[in-house]
């Protein structure tokens, strides 16, 4: 099992270093997945930085996070936490979606 925690995609998206960190994270995830070949991956903590992202762009960030896992064809699970409260995506903006099987 491999655990990736607090990836914080989308941080400082208006600056050069923010998007580069997302690229670096994806590259490292691909290296770890290739080297470790885990049976399962768990994503934990803040996947995206809520203060710097909005409903409109958060889906593309999740797609970026999932790309290395999909490429490796590894089962995954995630438990997310949203730490932001000031701007961007707020906990109050989340809607509970019904389970579908």
Protein backbone atom coordinates (compact mmCIF):
# COMPACT_ATOMS: atom_id res chain seq x y z
CA UNK A 1 0.00 0.00 0.00
CA UNK A 2 1.17 3.51 -0.80
CA UNK A 3 -0.11 6.68 0.84
CA UNK A 4 0.00 10.14 -0.75
CA UNK A 5 -0.98 12.85 1.69
CA UNK A 6 -1.71 16.58 1.47
CA UNK A 7 -0.85 17.07 -2.20
CA UNK A 8 -2.26 20.63 -2.21
CA UNK A 9 -2.72 20.89 -5.98
CA UNK A 10 -3.65 24.33 -7.25
CA UNK A 11 -1.59 26.28 -4.76
CA UNK A 12 -0.48 29.69 -6.06
CA UNK A 13 -1.79 28.95 -9.56
CA UNK A 14 -1.07 32.57 -10.58
CA UNK A 15 2.65 32.19 -9.90
CA UNK A 16 5.34 30.06 -11.57
CA UNK A 17 6.17 27.90 -8.58
CA UNK A 18 2.57 26.76 -7.88
CA UNK A 19 1.88 24.92 -11.16
CA UNK A 20 5.46 23.59 -11.16
CA UNK A 21 4.80 21.97 -7.77
CA UNK A 22 1.81 20.16 -9.28
CA UNK A 23 4.03 18.91 -12.13
CA UNK A 24 6.68 17.81 -9.61
CA UNK A 25 4.08 16.00 -7.49
CA UNK A 26 2.71 14.07 -10.48
CA UNK A 27 6.24 13.15 -11.56
CA UNK A 28 7.10 11.88 -8.08
CA UNK A 29 3.84 9.94 -7.86
CA UNK A 30 4.66 8.21 -11.17
CA UNK A 31 8.15 7.31 -9.94
CA UNK A 32 6.86 5.91 -6.65
CA UNK A 33 4.08 3.95 -8.33
CA UNK A 34 6.53 2.43 -10.83
CA UNK A 35 9.12 1.57 -8.18
CA UNK A 36 6.80 0.32 -5.44
CA UNK A 37 4.05 -1.25 -7.60
CA UNK A 38 1.55 -1.06 -4.74
CA UNK A 39 -1.59 -3.17 -4.54
CA UNK A 40 -3.54 -0.11 -3.42
CA UNK A 41 -3.06 3.64 -3.06
CA UNK A 42 -4.65 5.87 -0.45
CA UNK A 43 -4.91 9.62 -0.99
CA UNK A 44 -5.27 11.47 2.29
CA UNK A 45 -5.64 15.06 3.46
CA UNK A 46 -5.92 18.18 1.33
CA UNK A 47 -5.82 17.07 -2.30
CA UNK A 48 -6.27 20.63 -3.52
CA UNK A 49 -5.65 23.99 -1.87
CA UNK A 50 -9.14 25.34 -1.34
CA UNK A 51 -8.10 28.95 -0.82
CA UNK A 52 -6.66 29.08 -4.33
CA UNK A 53 -9.20 27.01 -6.23
CA UNK A 54 -12.84 27.34 -7.08
CA UNK A 55 -15.62 25.00 -8.17
CA UNK A 56 -14.89 25.96 -11.78
CA UNK A 57 -11.27 24.72 -11.79
CA UNK A 58 -11.18 22.10 -9.04
CA UNK A 59 -12.34 19.25 -11.29
CA UNK A 60 -9.36 19.66 -13.60
CA UNK A 61 -7.05 19.52 -10.59
CA UNK A 62 -8.62 16.27 -9.44
CA UNK A 63 -8.08 14.92 -12.98
CA UNK A 64 -4.38 15.83 -12.69
CA UNK A 65 -4.11 14.08 -9.33
CA UNK A 66 -5.81 10.94 -10.64
CA UNK A 67 -3.77 10.70 -13.87
CA UNK A 68 -0.77 8.85 -12.36
CA UNK A 69 -3.09 6.40 -10.58
CA UNK A 70 -5.10 5.73 -13.73
CA UNK A 71 -1.92 5.28 -15.78
CA UNK A 72 -0.61 2.76 -13.23
CA UNK A 73 -4.00 1.04 -13.16
CA UNK A 74 -3.81 0.74 -9.39
CA UNK A 75 -6.89 0.59 -7.14
CA UNK A 76 -7.24 3.60 -4.90
CA UNK A 77 -9.22 5.10 -2.10
CA UNK A 78 -9.23 8.57 -0.69
CA UNK A 79 -10.19 10.46 2.40
CA UNK A 80 -10.17 14.19 1.86
CA UNK A 81 -10.07 17.13 4.18
CA UNK A 82 -10.84 20.69 3.18
CA UNK A 83 -8.97 23.09 5.44
CA UNK A 84 -9.94 26.38 3.84
CA UNK A 85 -12.56 28.76 5.17
CA UNK A 86 -11.66 32.23 3.90
CA UNK A 87 -11.98 32.25 0.11
CA UNK A 88 -12.23 29.82 -2.76
CA UNK A 89 -13.96 26.52 -2.06
CA UNK A 90 -15.52 26.49 1.39
CA UNK A 91 -16.89 23.54 3.31
CA UNK A 92 -20.33 25.15 3.18
CA UNK A 93 -20.26 24.94 -0.63
CA UNK A 94 -20.08 21.13 -0.60
CA UNK A 95 -23.18 19.10 -1.24
CA UNK A 96 -23.52 15.54 -0.10
CA UNK A 97 -23.93 13.33 -3.15
CA UNK A 98 -25.96 10.13 -2.90
CA UNK A 99 -24.10 6.89 -3.18
CA UNK A 100 -24.47 5.10 -6.47
CA UNK A 101 -23.47 1.53 -7.05
